[in-house]
Protein backbone atom coordinates (compact mmCIF):
# COMPACT_ATOMS: atom_id res chain seq x y z
CA UNK A 1 -11.16 -54.84 -11.58
CA UNK A 2 -8.49 -56.84 -9.79
CA UNK A 3 -10.84 -57.37 -6.86
CA UNK A 4 -13.09 -59.55 -9.07
CA UNK A 5 -10.27 -61.76 -10.26
CA UNK A 6 -9.57 -64.98 -8.38
CA UNK A 7 -6.47 -64.91 -6.21
CA UNK A 8 -5.91 -68.64 -6.63
CA UNK A 9 -4.63 -69.81 -10.01
CA UNK A 10 -6.04 -73.29 -9.50
CA UNK A 11 -9.33 -73.37 -7.60
CA UNK A 12 -9.32 -75.53 -4.51
CA UNK A 13 -11.70 -78.48 -4.65
CA UNK A 14 -14.93 -77.82 -2.76
CA UNK A 15 -16.46 -80.23 -0.28
CA UNK A 16 -20.08 -81.12 -0.78
CA UNK A 17 -22.53 -80.66 2.10
CA UNK A 18 -22.62 -84.45 2.49
CA UNK A 19 -18.83 -84.59 2.76
CA UNK A 20 -18.81 -81.75 5.30
CA UNK A 21 -21.53 -83.47 7.32
CA UNK A 22 -19.48 -86.68 7.24
CA UNK A 23 -16.44 -84.79 8.51
CA UNK A 24 -18.48 -83.25 11.33
CA UNK A 25 -19.82 -86.70 12.28
CA UNK A 26 -16.29 -88.10 12.25
CA UNK A 27 -15.03 -85.28 14.48
CA UNK A 28 -17.88 -85.84 16.94
CA UNK A 29 -17.21 -89.58 16.97
CA UNK A 30 -13.55 -88.89 17.61
CA UNK A 31 -14.42 -86.58 20.50
CA UNK A 32 -16.70 -89.29 21.96
CA UNK A 33 -14.09 -92.02 21.56
CA UNK A 34 -12.70 -93.99 24.47
CA UNK A 35 -9.29 -92.45 23.81
CA UNK A 36 -10.49 -89.00 24.87
CA UNK A 37 -12.87 -89.79 27.73
CA UNK A 38 -10.37 -88.55 30.29
CA UNK A 39 -9.53 -85.39 28.30
CA UNK A 40 -12.60 -83.14 28.32
CA UNK A 41 -10.68 -80.10 27.07
CA UNK A 42 -9.51 -81.98 24.00
CA UNK A 43 -13.03 -83.35 23.45
CA UNK A 44 -14.33 -79.78 23.49
CA UNK A 45 -11.58 -78.67 21.09
CA UNK A 46 -12.66 -81.37 18.62
CA UNK A 47 -16.39 -80.71 18.98
CA UNK A 48 -16.04 -76.99 18.23
CA UNK A 49 -14.98 -77.39 14.57
CA UNK A 50 -17.71 -80.02 14.15
CA UNK A 51 -20.30 -77.45 15.29
CA UNK A 52 -18.81 -74.84 12.96
CA UNK A 53 -18.98 -77.23 10.02
CA UNK A 54 -22.64 -78.02 10.76
CA UNK A 55 -23.37 -74.29 11.00
CA UNK A 56 -21.64 -73.71 7.66
CA UNK A 57 -23.80 -76.41 6.05
CA UNK A 58 -26.90 -74.67 7.44
CA UNK A 59 -25.77 -71.25 6.18
CA UNK A 60 -25.00 -72.62 2.72
CA UNK A 61 -28.50 -74.11 2.55
CA UNK A 62 -30.00 -70.76 3.55
CA UNK A 63 -27.97 -68.95 0.87
CA UNK A 64 -28.99 -71.54 -1.72
CA UNK A 65 -32.69 -71.09 -0.80
CA UNK A 66 -32.32 -67.31 -1.03
CA UNK A 67 -30.66 -67.60 -4.46
CA UNK A 68 -33.43 -69.92 -5.65
CA UNK A 69 -36.20 -67.62 -4.44
CA UNK A 70 -34.94 -64.21 -5.59
CA UNK A 71 -36.23 -62.55 -8.75
CA UNK A 72 -33.23 -60.22 -9.00
CA UNK A 73 -30.60 -61.71 -11.31
CA UNK A 74 -27.73 -59.70 -9.81
CA UNK A 75 -28.61 -60.86 -6.31
CA UNK A 76 -28.95 -64.44 -7.46
CA UNK A 77 -25.56 -64.30 -9.21
CA UNK A 78 -23.94 -62.81 -6.11
CA UNK A 79 -25.44 -65.45 -3.83
CA UNK A 80 -24.34 -68.27 -6.14
CA UNK A 81 -20.83 -66.81 -6.19
CA UNK A 82 -20.83 -66.99 -2.40
CA UNK A 83 -21.56 -70.69 -2.77
CA UNK A 84 -18.65 -71.13 -5.15
CA UNK A 85 -20.77 -71.17 -8.28
CA UNK A 86 -23.05 -73.97 -7.02
């Protein structure tokens, strides 16, 4: 029973896919900035989370499509819970 209860008393605000995409774009722009042109390791360190964010957006879209297309209510509920109730 306790495993189904939230561990956070106040839910953290969720970023929308558009906000996440904006963050990824900002990170990529930062990595491409003049300030980091002579620091390829730091550029790579900034690009990695941008790629992870873009991958997360893609995975969330796949989960949303799966939830929309399933006929099984339990599966749909579980998938929507993975998305944070979206």
